[in-house]
Full PDB file with SEQRES, HELIX, SHEET, SSBOND, CRYST1, ORIGX, SCALE, CONECT and MASTER records, all heavy atoms in Angstrom:
SEQRES   1 A   42  TYR PHE SER SER HIS THR ASN LEU VAL THR ASP GLY GLU          
SEQRES   2 A   42  GLU VAL ALA TRP PRO SER TYR SER ASP ASP LEU ASP TYR          
SEQRES   3 A   42  GLU LEU GLU LEU ALA PHE VAL LEU SER LYS PRO LEU TYR          
SEQRES   4 A   42  ASN ALA THR                                                  
CRYST1    1.000    1.000    1.000  90.00  90.00  90.00 P 1           1          
ORIGX1      1.000000  0.000000  0.000000        0.00000                         
ORIGX2      0.000000  1.000000  0.000000        0.00000                         
ORIGX3      0.000000  0.000000  1.000000        0.00000                         
SCALE1      1.000000  0.000000  0.000000        0.00000                         
SCALE2      0.000000  1.000000  0.000000        0.00000                         
SCALE3      0.000000  0.000000  1.000000        0.00000                         
ATOM      1  N   TYR A   1      87.488  96.569 106.475  1.00  0.00           N  
ATOM      2  CA  TYR A   1      86.585  95.701 105.721  1.00  0.00           C  
ATOM      3  C   TYR A   1      85.244  95.672 106.442  1.00  0.00           C  
ATOM      4  O   TYR A   1      85.156  95.996 107.632  1.00  0.00           O  
ATOM      5  CB  TYR A   1      87.162  94.283 105.574  1.00  0.00           C  
ATOM      6  CG  TYR A   1      87.081  93.445 106.820  1.00  0.00           C  
ATOM      7  CD1 TYR A   1      86.026  92.546 107.015  1.00  0.00           C  
ATOM      8  CD2 TYR A   1      88.035  93.547 107.825  1.00  0.00           C  
ATOM      9  CE1 TYR A   1      85.940  91.784 108.161  1.00  0.00           C  
ATOM     10  CE2 TYR A   1      87.957  92.788 108.980  1.00  0.00           C  
ATOM     11  CZ  TYR A   1      86.902  91.911 109.142  1.00  0.00           C  
ATOM     12  OH  TYR A   1      86.814  91.175 110.286  1.00  0.00           O  
ATOM     13  N   PHE A   2      84.188  95.290 105.725  1.00  0.00           N  
ATOM     14  CA  PHE A   2      82.882  95.108 106.343  1.00  0.00           C  
ATOM     15  C   PHE A   2      82.767  93.671 106.833  1.00  0.00           C  
ATOM     16  O   PHE A   2      82.918  92.724 106.062  1.00  0.00           O  
ATOM     17  CB  PHE A   2      81.758  95.387 105.339  1.00  0.00           C  
ATOM     18  CG  PHE A   2      81.324  96.815 105.294  1.00  0.00           C  
ATOM     19  CD1 PHE A   2      81.776  97.656 104.298  1.00  0.00           C  
ATOM     20  CD2 PHE A   2      80.460  97.321 106.242  1.00  0.00           C  
ATOM     21  CE1 PHE A   2      81.378  98.985 104.239  1.00  0.00           C  
ATOM     22  CE2 PHE A   2      80.049  98.646 106.197  1.00  0.00           C  
ATOM     23  CZ  PHE A   2      80.510  99.480 105.198  1.00  0.00           C  
ATOM     24  N   SER A   3      82.480  93.512 108.114  1.00  0.00           N  
ATOM     25  CA  SER A   3      82.237  92.195 108.673  1.00  0.00           C  
ATOM     26  C   SER A   3      80.729  91.990 108.821  1.00  0.00           C  
ATOM     27  O   SER A   3      79.936  92.856 108.436  1.00  0.00           O  
ATOM     28  CB  SER A   3      82.937  92.056 110.025  1.00  0.00           C  
ATOM     29  OG  SER A   3      82.903  90.720 110.465  1.00  0.00           O  
ATOM     30  N   SER A   4      80.340  90.848 109.375  1.00  0.00           N  
ATOM     31  CA  SER A   4      78.913  90.575 109.563  1.00  0.00           C  
ATOM     32  C   SER A   4      78.446  91.201 110.872  1.00  0.00           C  
ATOM     33  O   SER A   4      78.994  90.923 111.938  1.00  0.00           O  
ATOM     34  CB  SER A   4      78.663  89.068 109.594  1.00  0.00           C  
ATOM     35  OG  SER A   4      77.319  88.796 109.931  1.00  0.00           O  
ATOM     36  N   HIS A   5      77.420  92.036 110.791  1.00  0.00           N  
ATOM     37  CA  HIS A   5      76.868  92.677 111.987  1.00  0.00           C  
ATOM     38  C   HIS A   5      75.666  91.909 112.532  1.00  0.00           C  
ATOM     39  O   HIS A   5      75.062  92.326 113.526  1.00  0.00           O  
ATOM     40  CB  HIS A   5      76.450  94.117 111.678  1.00  0.00           C  
ATOM     41  CG  HIS A   5      75.338  94.211 110.682  1.00  0.00           C  
ATOM     42  ND1 HIS A   5      75.523  93.974 109.350  1.00  0.00           N  
ATOM     43  CD2 HIS A   5      74.026  94.520 110.840  1.00  0.00           C  
ATOM     44  CE1 HIS A   5      74.372  94.132 108.708  1.00  0.00           C  
ATOM     45  NE2 HIS A   5      73.448  94.457 109.598  1.00  0.00           N  
ATOM     46  N   THR A   6      75.325  90.797 111.891  1.00  0.00           N  
ATOM     47  CA  THR A   6      74.150  90.031 112.314  1.00  0.00           C  
ATOM     48  C   THR A   6      74.521  88.815 113.154  1.00  0.00           C  
ATOM     49  O   THR A   6      73.725  88.359 113.977  1.00  0.00           O  
ATOM     50  CB  THR A   6      73.345  89.560 111.092  1.00  0.00           C  
ATOM     51  OG1 THR A   6      74.215  88.859 110.188  1.00  0.00           O  
ATOM     52  CG2 THR A   6      72.751  90.764 110.358  1.00  0.00           C  
ATOM     53  N   ASN A   7      75.720  88.258 112.936  1.00  0.00           N  
ATOM     54  CA  ASN A   7      76.154  87.086 113.698  1.00  0.00           C  
ATOM     55  C   ASN A   7      77.010  87.530 114.879  1.00  0.00           C  
ATOM     56  O   ASN A   7      78.236  87.555 114.801  1.00  0.00           O  
ATOM     57  CB  ASN A   7      76.938  86.124 112.796  1.00  0.00           C  
ATOM     58  CG  ASN A   7      76.065  85.538 111.705  1.00  0.00           C  
ATOM     59  OD1 ASN A   7      74.902  85.240 111.935  1.00  0.00           O  
ATOM     60  ND2 ASN A   7      76.617  85.383 110.524  1.00  0.00           N  
ATOM     61  N   LEU A   8      76.337  87.886 115.959  1.00  0.00           N  
ATOM     62  CA  LEU A   8      77.028  88.442 117.128  1.00  0.00           C  
ATOM     63  C   LEU A   8      76.697  87.653 118.393  1.00  0.00           C  
ATOM     64  O   LEU A   8      75.551  87.232 118.588  1.00  0.00           O  
ATOM     65  CB  LEU A   8      76.637  89.904 117.340  1.00  0.00           C  
ATOM     66  CG  LEU A   8      77.085  90.898 116.268  1.00  0.00           C  
ATOM     67  CD1 LEU A   8      76.426  92.247 116.506  1.00  0.00           C  
ATOM     68  CD2 LEU A   8      78.595  91.047 116.265  1.00  0.00           C  
ATOM     69  N   VAL A   9      77.709  87.478 119.222  1.00  0.00           N  
ATOM     70  CA  VAL A   9      77.491  86.955 120.570  1.00  0.00           C  
ATOM     71  C   VAL A   9      77.965  88.014 121.552  1.00  0.00           C  
ATOM     72  O   VAL A   9      78.772  88.880 121.213  1.00  0.00           O  
ATOM     73  CB  VAL A   9      78.257  85.641 120.807  1.00  0.00           C  
ATOM     74  CG1 VAL A   9      77.717  84.534 119.930  1.00  0.00           C  
ATOM     75  CG2 VAL A   9      79.760  85.829 120.591  1.00  0.00           C  
ATOM     76  N   THR A  10      77.455  87.944 122.761  1.00  0.00           N  
ATOM     77  CA  THR A  10      77.879  88.887 123.782  1.00  0.00           C  
ATOM     78  C   THR A  10      78.403  88.124 124.998  1.00  0.00           C  
ATOM     79  O   THR A  10      78.626  86.907 124.942  1.00  0.00           O  
ATOM     80  CB  THR A  10      76.739  89.853 124.160  1.00  0.00           C  
ATOM     81  OG1 THR A  10      77.267  90.933 124.933  1.00  0.00           O  
ATOM     82  CG2 THR A  10      75.635  89.151 124.923  1.00  0.00           C  
ATOM     83  N   ASP A  11      78.605  88.812 126.076  1.00  0.00           N  
ATOM     84  CA  ASP A  11      79.264  88.252 127.256  1.00  0.00           C  
ATOM     85  C   ASP A  11      78.530  87.024 127.786  1.00  0.00           C  
ATOM     86  O   ASP A  11      77.316  87.051 127.991  1.00  0.00           O  
ATOM     87  CB  ASP A  11      79.339  89.331 128.345  1.00  0.00           C  
ATOM     88  CG  ASP A  11      80.367  89.009 129.402  1.00  0.00           C  
ATOM     89  OD1 ASP A  11      81.524  88.775 129.043  1.00  0.00           O  
ATOM     90  OD2 ASP A  11      80.001  88.986 130.585  1.00  0.00           O  
ATOM     91  N   GLY A  12      79.293  85.934 127.980  1.00  0.00           N  
ATOM     92  CA  GLY A  12      78.735  84.719 128.547  1.00  0.00           C  
ATOM     93  C   GLY A  12      78.187  83.733 127.542  1.00  0.00           C  
ATOM     94  O   GLY A  12      77.835  82.605 127.914  1.00  0.00           O  
ATOM     95  N   GLU A  13      78.102  84.105 126.276  1.00  0.00           N  
ATOM     96  CA  GLU A  13      77.533  83.220 125.268  1.00  0.00           C  
ATOM     97  C   GLU A  13      78.610  82.337 124.628  1.00  0.00           C  
ATOM     98  O   GLU A  13      79.786  82.698 124.579  1.00  0.00           O  
ATOM     99  CB  GLU A  13      76.812  84.031 124.194  1.00  0.00           C  
ATOM    100  CG  GLU A  13      75.595  84.765 124.718  1.00  0.00           C  
ATOM    101  CD  GLU A  13      74.830  85.481 123.621  1.00  0.00           C  
ATOM    102  OE1 GLU A  13      75.458  85.962 122.666  1.00  0.00           O  
ATOM    103  OE2 GLU A  13      73.597  85.552 123.731  1.00  0.00           O  
ATOM    104  N   GLU A  14      78.173  81.183 124.120  1.00  0.00           N  
ATOM    105  CA  GLU A  14      79.087  80.261 123.463  1.00  0.00           C  
ATOM    106  C   GLU A  14      79.397  80.718 122.041  1.00  0.00           C  
ATOM    107  O   GLU A  14      78.567  81.339 121.372  1.00  0.00           O  
ATOM    108  CB  GLU A  14      78.499  78.853 123.413  1.00  0.00           C  
ATOM    109  CG  GLU A  14      78.574  78.107 124.721  1.00  0.00           C  
ATOM    110  CD  GLU A  14      78.174  76.649 124.570  1.00  0.00           C  
ATOM    111  OE1 GLU A  14      77.552  76.305 123.539  1.00  0.00           O  
ATOM    112  OE2 GLU A  14      78.477  75.850 125.481  1.00  0.00           O  
ATOM    113  N   VAL A  15      80.602  80.401 121.593  1.00  0.00           N  
ATOM    114  CA  VAL A  15      81.023  80.626 120.216  1.00  0.00           C  
ATOM    115  C   VAL A  15      81.154  79.272 119.539  1.00  0.00           C  
ATOM    116  O   VAL A  15      81.932  78.419 119.996  1.00  0.00           O  
ATOM    117  CB  VAL A  15      82.368  81.386 120.156  1.00  0.00           C  
ATOM    118  CG1 VAL A  15      82.922  81.396 118.736  1.00  0.00           C  
ATOM    119  CG2 VAL A  15      82.196  82.797 120.676  1.00  0.00           C  
ATOM    120  N   ALA A  16      80.386  79.062 118.489  1.00  0.00           N  
ATOM    121  CA  ALA A  16      80.429  77.801 117.762  1.00  0.00           C  
ATOM    122  C   ALA A  16      81.611  77.804 116.785  1.00  0.00           C  
ATOM    123  O   ALA A  16      81.737  78.708 115.952  1.00  0.00           O  
ATOM    124  CB  ALA A  16      79.120  77.578 117.009  1.00  0.00           C  
ATOM    125  N   TRP A  17      82.456  76.822 116.903  1.00  0.00           N  
ATOM    126  CA  TRP A  17      83.622  76.677 116.028  1.00  0.00           C  
ATOM    127  C   TRP A  17      83.128  76.409 114.610  1.00  0.00           C  
ATOM    128  O   TRP A  17      82.352  75.485 114.386  1.00  0.00           O  
ATOM    129  CB  TRP A  17      84.458  75.498 116.523  1.00  0.00           C  
ATOM    130  CG  TRP A  17      85.828  75.389 115.949  1.00  0.00           C  
ATOM    131  CD1 TRP A  17      86.152  75.203 114.637  1.00  0.00           C  
ATOM    132  CD2 TRP A  17      87.067  75.441 116.663  1.00  0.00           C  
ATOM    133  NE1 TRP A  17      87.513  75.127 114.485  1.00  0.00           N  
ATOM    134  CE2 TRP A  17      88.106  75.273 115.715  1.00  0.00           C  
ATOM    135  CE3 TRP A  17      87.399  75.591 118.006  1.00  0.00           C  
ATOM    136  CZ2 TRP A  17      89.446  75.256 116.065  1.00  0.00           C  
ATOM    137  CZ3 TRP A  17      88.732  75.582 118.357  1.00  0.00           C  
ATOM    138  CH2 TRP A  17      89.748  75.422 117.403  1.00  0.00           C  
ATOM    139  N   PRO A  18      83.569  77.177 113.608  1.00  0.00           N  
ATOM    140  CA  PRO A  18      83.108  76.944 112.226  1.00  0.00           C  
ATOM    141  C   PRO A  18      83.559  75.578 111.718  1.00  0.00           C  
ATOM    142  O   PRO A  18      84.722  75.191 111.887  1.00  0.00           O  
ATOM    143  CB  PRO A  18      83.757  78.084 111.436  1.00  0.00           C  
ATOM    144  CG  PRO A  18      84.907  78.539 112.271  1.00  0.00           C  
ATOM    145  CD  PRO A  18      84.515  78.307 113.695  1.00  0.00           C  
ATOM    146  N   SER A  19      82.649  74.855 111.082  1.00  0.00           N  
ATOM    147  CA  SER A  19      82.902  73.468 110.686  1.00  0.00           C  
ATOM    148  C   SER A  19      83.982  73.335 109.621  1.00  0.00           C  
ATOM    149  O   SER A  19      84.572  72.268 109.466  1.00  0.00           O  
ATOM    150  CB  SER A  19      81.604  72.846 110.154  1.00  0.00           C  
ATOM    151  OG  SER A  19      81.137  73.567 109.021  1.00  0.00           O  
ATOM    152  N   TYR A  20      84.265  74.414 108.888  1.00  0.00           N  
ATOM    153  CA  TYR A  20      85.202  74.353 107.769  1.00  0.00           C  
ATOM    154  C   TYR A  20      86.612  74.802 108.155  1.00  0.00           C  
ATOM    155  O   TYR A  20      87.469  74.968 107.299  1.00  0.00           O  
ATOM    156  CB  TYR A  20      84.691  75.225 106.622  1.00  0.00           C  
ATOM    157  CG  TYR A  20      84.223  76.602 107.057  1.00  0.00           C  
ATOM    158  CD1 TYR A  20      85.123  77.646 107.284  1.00  0.00           C  
ATOM    159  CD2 TYR A  20      82.872  76.858 107.261  1.00  0.00           C  
ATOM    160  CE1 TYR A  20      84.700  78.882 107.701  1.00  0.00           C  
ATOM    161  CE2 TYR A  20      82.431  78.101 107.684  1.00  0.00           C  
ATOM    162  CZ  TYR A  20      83.349  79.117 107.895  1.00  0.00           C  
ATOM    163  OH  TYR A  20      82.924  80.351 108.306  1.00  0.00           O  
ATOM    164  N   SER A  21      86.859  75.001 109.445  1.00  0.00           N  
ATOM    165  CA  SER A  21      88.157  75.539 109.869  1.00  0.00           C  
ATOM    166  C   SER A  21      88.774  74.686 110.972  1.00  0.00           C  
ATOM    167  O   SER A  21      88.070  74.141 111.821  1.00  0.00           O  
ATOM    168  CB  SER A  21      87.996  76.977 110.363  1.00  0.00           C  
ATOM    169  OG  SER A  21      89.211  77.460 110.910  1.00  0.00           O  
ATOM    170  N   ASP A  22      90.103  74.598 110.945  1.00  0.00           N  
ATOM    171  CA  ASP A  22      90.847  73.937 112.014  1.00  0.00           C  
ATOM    172  C   ASP A  22      91.579  74.936 112.916  1.00  0.00           C  
ATOM    173  O   ASP A  22      92.008  74.576 114.008  1.00  0.00           O  
ATOM    174  CB  ASP A  22      91.880  72.965 111.426  1.00  0.00           C  
ATOM    175  CG  ASP A  22      91.232  71.788 110.717  1.00  0.00           C  
ATOM    176  OD1 ASP A  22      90.219  71.269 111.233  1.00  0.00           O  
ATOM    177  OD2 ASP A  22      91.718  71.395 109.638  1.00  0.00           O  
ATOM    178  N   ASP A  23      91.742  76.163 112.429  1.00  0.00           N  
ATOM    179  CA  ASP A  23      92.536  77.164 113.148  1.00  0.00           C  
ATOM    180  C   ASP A  23      91.681  78.374 113.499  1.00  0.00           C  
ATOM    181  O   ASP A  23      91.546  79.317 112.719  1.00  0.00           O  
ATOM    182  CB  ASP A  23      93.730  77.615 112.297  1.00  0.00           C  
ATOM    183  CG  ASP A  23      94.724  76.484 112.062  1.00  0.00           C  
ATOM    184  OD1 ASP A  23      94.660  75.476 112.775  1.00  0.00           O  
ATOM    185  OD2 ASP A  23      95.561  76.613 111.149  1.00  0.00           O  
ATOM    186  N   LEU A  24      91.078  78.329 114.692  1.00  0.00           N  
ATOM    187  CA  LEU A  24      90.218  79.428 115.140  1.00  0.00           C  
ATOM    188  C   LEU A  24      91.046  80.403 115.974  1.00  0.00           C  
ATOM    189  O   LEU A  24      91.684  80.022 116.949  1.00  0.00           O  
ATOM    190  CB  LEU A  24      89.052  78.888 115.958  1.00  0.00           C  
ATOM    191  CG  LEU A  24      88.059  79.928 116.490  1.00  0.00           C  
ATOM    192  CD1 LEU A  24      87.417  80.705 115.358  1.00  0.00           C  
ATOM    193  CD2 LEU A  24      86.988  79.246 117.339  1.00  0.00           C  
ATOM    194  N   ASP A  25      91.007  81.651 115.568  1.00  0.00           N  
ATOM    195  CA  ASP A  25      91.777  82.699 116.239  1.00  0.00           C  
ATOM    196  C   ASP A  25      90.825  83.729 116.833  1.00  0.00           C  
ATOM    197  O   ASP A  25      89.658  83.836 116.460  1.00  0.00           O  
ATOM    198  CB  ASP A  25      92.724  83.369 115.234  1.00  0.00           C  
ATOM    199  CG  ASP A  25      93.899  84.086 115.899  1.00  0.00           C  
ATOM    200  OD1 ASP A  25      93.911  84.187 117.132  1.00  0.00           O  
ATOM    201  OD2 ASP A  25      94.791  84.556 115.168  1.00  0.00           O  
ATOM    202  N   TYR A  26      91.341  84.494 117.760  1.00  0.00           N  
ATOM    203  CA  TYR A  26      90.634  85.592 118.418  1.00  0.00           C  
ATOM    204  C   TYR A  26      91.386  86.878 118.108  1.00  0.00           C  
ATOM    205  O   TYR A  26      92.569  86.849 117.740  1.00  0.00           O  
ATOM    206  CB  TYR A  26      90.604  85.365 119.936  1.00  0.00           C  
ATOM    207  CG  TYR A  26      91.960  84.978 120.482  1.00  0.00           C  
ATOM    208  CD1 TYR A  26      92.894  85.931 120.878  1.00  0.00           C  
ATOM    209  CD2 TYR A  26      92.334  83.636 120.553  1.00  0.00           C  
ATOM    210  CE1 TYR A  26      94.146  85.565 121.340  1.00  0.00           C  
ATOM    211  CE2 TYR A  26      93.578  83.253 121.018  1.00  0.00           C  
ATOM    212  CZ  TYR A  26      94.487  84.216 121.408  1.00  0.00           C  
ATOM    213  OH  TYR A  26      95.729  83.855 121.856  1.00  0.00           O  
ATOM    214  N   GLU A  27      90.729  88.017 118.257  1.00  0.00           N  
ATOM    215  CA  GLU A  27      91.399  89.299 118.048  1.00  0.00           C  
ATOM    216  C   GLU A  27      90.856  90.320 119.045  1.00  0.00           C  
ATOM    217  O   GLU A  27      89.673  90.632 119.047  1.00  0.00           O  
ATOM    218  CB  GLU A  27      91.219  89.783 116.603  1.00  0.00           C  
ATOM    219  CG  GLU A  27      91.838  88.829 115.588  1.00  0.00           C  
ATOM    220  CD  GLU A  27      91.914  89.410 114.186  1.00  0.00           C  
ATOM    221  OE1 GLU A  27      92.568  90.456 114.017  1.00  0.00           O  
ATOM    222  OE2 GLU A  27      91.319  88.815 113.274  1.00  0.00           O  
ATOM    223  N   LEU A  28      91.748  90.817 119.882  1.00  0.00           N  
ATOM    224  CA  LEU A  28      91.404  91.786 120.922  1.00  0.00           C  
ATOM    225  C   LEU A  28      91.308  93.184 120.321  1.00  0.00           C  
ATOM    226  O   LEU A  28      92.297  93.723 119.830  1.00  0.00           O  
ATOM    227  CB  LEU A  28      92.476  91.747 122.005  1.00  0.00           C  
ATOM    228  CG  LEU A  28      92.494  92.878 123.048  1.00  0.00           C  
ATOM    229  CD1 LEU A  28      91.186  92.928 123.824  1.00  0.00           C  
ATOM    230  CD2 LEU A  28      93.681  92.711 123.979  1.00  0.00           C  
ATOM    231  N   GLU A  29      90.105  93.772 120.371  1.00  0.00           N  
ATOM    232  CA  GLU A  29      89.897  95.066 119.734  1.00  0.00           C  
ATOM    233  C   GLU A  29      89.020  95.989 120.582  1.00  0.00           C  
ATOM    234  O   GLU A  29      88.133  95.539 121.308  1.00  0.00           O  
ATOM    235  CB  GLU A  29      89.241  94.900 118.357  1.00  0.00           C  
ATOM    236  CG  GLU A  29      90.022  94.031 117.401  1.00  0.00           C  
ATOM    237  CD  GLU A  29      89.510  94.130 115.980  1.00  0.00           C  
ATOM    238  OE1 GLU A  29      88.916  95.172 115.627  1.00  0.00           O  
ATOM    239  OE2 GLU A  29      89.700  93.166 115.226  1.00  0.00           O  
ATOM    240  N   LEU A  30      89.270  97.272 120.431  1.00  0.00           N  
ATOM    241  CA  LEU A  30      88.396  98.321 120.941  1.00  0.00           C  
ATOM    242  C   LEU A  30      87.486  98.756 119.799  1.00  0.00           C  
ATOM    243  O   LEU A  30      87.939  98.913 118.658  1.00  0.00           O  
ATOM    244  CB  LEU A  30      89.220  99.508 121.430  1.00  0.00           C  
ATOM    245  CG  LEU A  30      88.459 100.721 121.969  1.00  0.00           C  
ATOM    246  CD1 LEU A  30      87.701 100.376 123.244  1.00  0.00           C  
ATOM    247  CD2 LEU A  30      89.418 101.888 122.212  1.00  0.00           C  
ATOM    248  N   ALA A  31      86.205  98.918 120.100  1.00  0.00           N  
ATOM    249  CA  ALA A  31      85.245  99.338 119.076  1.00  0.00           C  
ATOM    250  C   ALA A  31      84.405 100.494 119.607  1.00  0.00           C  
ATOM    251  O   ALA A  31      84.302 100.693 120.824  1.00  0.00           O  
ATOM    252  CB  ALA A  31      84.344  98.175 118.668  1.00  0.00           C  
ATOM    253  N   PHE A  32      83.805 101.246 118.708  1.00  0.00           N  
ATOM    254  CA  PHE A  32      82.882 102.299 119.122  1.00  0.00           C  
ATOM    255  C   PHE A  32      81.655 102.296 118.221  1.00  0.00           C  
ATOM    256  O   PHE A  32      81.668 101.715 117.131  1.00  0.00           O  
ATOM    257  CB  PHE A  32      83.558 103.682 119.114  1.00  0.00           C  
ATOM    258  CG  PHE A  32      83.975 104.186 117.757  1.00  0.00           C  
ATOM    259  CD1 PHE A  32      83.093 104.876 116.940  1.00  0.00           C  
ATOM    260  CD2 PHE A  32      85.278 103.988 117.302  1.00  0.00           C  
ATOM    261  CE1 PHE A  32      83.480 105.354 115.708  1.00  0.00           C  
ATOM    262  CE2 PHE A  32      85.683 104.458 116.068  1.00  0.00           C  
ATOM    263  CZ  PHE A  32      84.772 105.150 115.261  1.00  0.00           C  
ATOM    264  N   VAL A  33      80.589 102.931 118.709  1.00  0.00           N  
ATOM    265  CA  VAL A  33      79.346 103.036 117.949  1.00  0.00           C  
ATOM    266  C   VAL A  33      79.015 104.507 117.736  1.00  0.00           C  
ATOM    267  O   VAL A  33      79.226 105.344 118.623  1.00  0.00           O  
ATOM    268  CB  VAL A  33      78.184 102.318 118.671  1.00  0.00           C  
ATOM    269  CG1 VAL A  33      77.907 102.922 120.042  1.00  0.00           C  
ATOM    270  CG2 VAL A  33      76.919 102.331 117.811  1.00  0.00           C  
ATOM    271  N   LEU A  34      78.528 104.820 116.561  1.00  0.00           N  
ATOM    272  CA  LEU A  34      78.098 106.184 116.265  1.00  0.00           C  
ATOM    273  C   LEU A  34      76.731 106.449 116.872  1.00  0.00           C  
ATOM    274  O   LEU A  34      75.842 105.593 116.830  1.00  0.00           O  
ATOM    275  CB  LEU A  34      78.028 106.410 114.750  1.00  0.00           C  
ATOM    276  CG  LEU A  34      79.351 106.356 113.976  1.00  0.00           C  
ATOM    277  CD1 LEU A  34      79.089 106.552 112.484  1.00  0.00           C  
ATOM    278  CD2 LEU A  34      80.320 107.409 114.480  1.00  0.00           C  
ATOM    279  N   SER A  35      76.550 107.650 117.418  1.00  0.00           N  
ATOM    280  CA  SER A  35      75.246 108.059 117.948  1.00  0.00           C  
ATOM    281  C   SER A  35      74.677 109.244 117.179  1.00  0.00           C  
ATOM    282  O   SER A  35      73.587 109.726 117.490  1.00  0.00           O  
ATOM    283  CB  SER A  35      75.361 108.419 119.438  1.00  0.00           C  
ATOM    284  OG  SER A  35      76.305 109.462 119.631  1.00  0.00           O  
ATOM    285  N   LYS A  36      75.430 109.717 116.166  1.00  0.00           N  
ATOM    286  CA  LYS A  36      74.963 110.798 115.307  1.00  0.00           C  
ATOM    287  C   LYS A  36      75.322 110.476 113.860  1.00  0.00           C  
ATOM    288  O   LYS A  36      76.310 109.782 113.608  1.00  0.00           O  
ATOM    289  CB  LYS A  36      75.629 112.135 115.698  1.00  0.00           C  
ATOM    290  CG  LYS A  36      75.298 112.627 117.088  1.00  0.00           C  
ATOM    291  CD  LYS A  36      76.042 113.929 117.391  1.00  0.00           C  
ATOM    292  CE  LYS A  36      75.763 114.411 118.806  1.00  0.00           C  
ATOM    293  NZ  LYS A  36      76.509 115.657 119.119  1.00  0.00           N  
ATOM    294  N   PRO A  37      74.559 111.001 112.902  1.00  0.00           N  
ATOM    295  CA  PRO A  37      74.907 110.775 111.493  1.00  0.00           C  
ATOM    296  C   PRO A  37      76.094 111.644 111.089  1.00  0.00           C  
ATOM    297  O   PRO A  37      76.344 112.702 111.679  1.00  0.00           O  
ATOM    298  CB  PRO A  37      73.640 111.189 110.750  1.00  0.00           C  
ATOM    299  CG  PRO A  37      72.989 112.202 111.643  1.00  0.00           C  
ATOM    300  CD  PRO A  37      73.300 111.753 113.049  1.00  0.00           C  
ATOM    301  N   LEU A  38      76.829 111.179 110.087  1.00  0.00           N  
ATOM    302  CA  LEU A  38      77.970 111.924 109.567  1.00  0.00           C  
ATOM    303  C   LEU A  38      77.946 111.908 108.045  1.00  0.00           C  
ATOM    304  O   LEU A  38      77.534 110.930 107.427  1.00  0.00           O  
ATOM    305  CB  LEU A  38      79.292 111.319 110.049  1.00  0.00           C  
ATOM    306  CG  LEU A  38      79.647 111.429 111.534  1.00  0.00           C  
ATOM    307  CD1 LEU A  38      80.930 110.663 111.819  1.00  0.00           C  
ATOM    308  CD2 LEU A  38      79.785 112.889 111.953  1.00  0.00           C  
ATOM    309  N   TYR A  39      78.420 112.997 107.477  1.00  0.00           N  
ATOM    310  CA  TYR A  39      78.597 113.076 106.024  1.00  0.00           C  
ATOM    311  C   TYR A  39      79.608 114.185 105.749  1.00  0.00           C  
ATOM    312  O   TYR A  39      79.398 115.326 106.142  1.00  0.00           O  
ATOM    313  CB  TYR A  39      77.264 113.376 105.326  1.00  0.00           C  
ATOM    314  CG  TYR A  39      77.352 113.363 103.811  1.00  0.00           C  
ATOM    315  CD1 TYR A  39      77.558 112.165 103.137  1.00  0.00           C  
ATOM    316  CD2 TYR A  39      77.227 114.535 103.073  1.00  0.00           C  
ATOM    317  CE1 TYR A  39      77.622 112.147 101.743  1.00  0.00           C  
ATOM    318  CE2 TYR A  39      77.300 114.527 101.698  1.00  0.00           C  
ATOM    319  CZ  TYR A  39      77.504 113.326 101.031  1.00  0.00           C  
ATOM    320  OH  TYR A  39      77.579 113.303  99.652  1.00  0.00           O  
ATOM    321  N   ASN A  40      80.714 113.823 105.126  1.00  0.00           N  
ATOM    322  CA  ASN A  40      81.800 114.790 104.900  1.00  0.00           C  
ATOM    323  C   ASN A  40      82.149 115.515 106.211  1.00  0.00           C  
ATOM    324  O   ASN A  40      82.207 116.744 106.278  1.00  0.00           O  
ATOM    325  CB  ASN A  40      81.412 115.799 103.825  1.00  0.00           C  
ATOM    326  CG  ASN A  40      81.343 115.167 102.446  1.00  0.00           C  
ATOM    327  OD1 ASN A  40      82.106 114.254 102.126  1.00  0.00           O  
ATOM    328  ND2 ASN A  40      80.425 115.652 101.618  1.00  0.00           N  
ATOM    329  N   ALA A  41      82.376 114.742 107.247  1.00  0.00           N  
ATOM    330  CA  ALA A  41      82.542 115.284 108.590  1.00  0.00           C  
ATOM    331  C   ALA A  41      83.850 116.045 108.761  1.00  0.00           C  
ATOM    332  O   ALA A  41      84.870 115.716 108.157  1.00  0.00           O  
ATOM    333  CB  ALA A  41      82.484 114.156 109.613  1.00  0.00           C  
ATOM    334  N   THR A  42      83.809 117.062 109.606  1.00  0.00           N  
ATOM    335  CA  THR A  42      85.027 117.708 110.093  1.00  0.00           C  
ATOM    336  C   THR A  42      85.566 116.857 111.250  1.00  0.00           C  
ATOM    337  O   THR A  42      84.836 116.022 111.806  1.00  0.00           O  
ATOM    338  CB  THR A  42      84.734 119.120 110.608  1.00  0.00           C  
ATOM    339  OG1 THR A  42      83.890 119.019 111.772  1.00  0.00           O  
ATOM    340  CG2 THR A  42      84.048 119.965 109.534  1.00  0.00           C  
TER     341      THR A  42                                                      
MASTER        0    0    0    0    0    0    0    6  340    1    0    4          
END                                                                             
């Protein structure tokens, strides 16, 4: 799915608990960034 790429925090920053939720969860993930364009890639 597409998530929000604009609302980001990094190391050491606070995470504001969303006002409409009582159950805040975390998810441990590995991510990568593209450094080249792709189209119909091999």
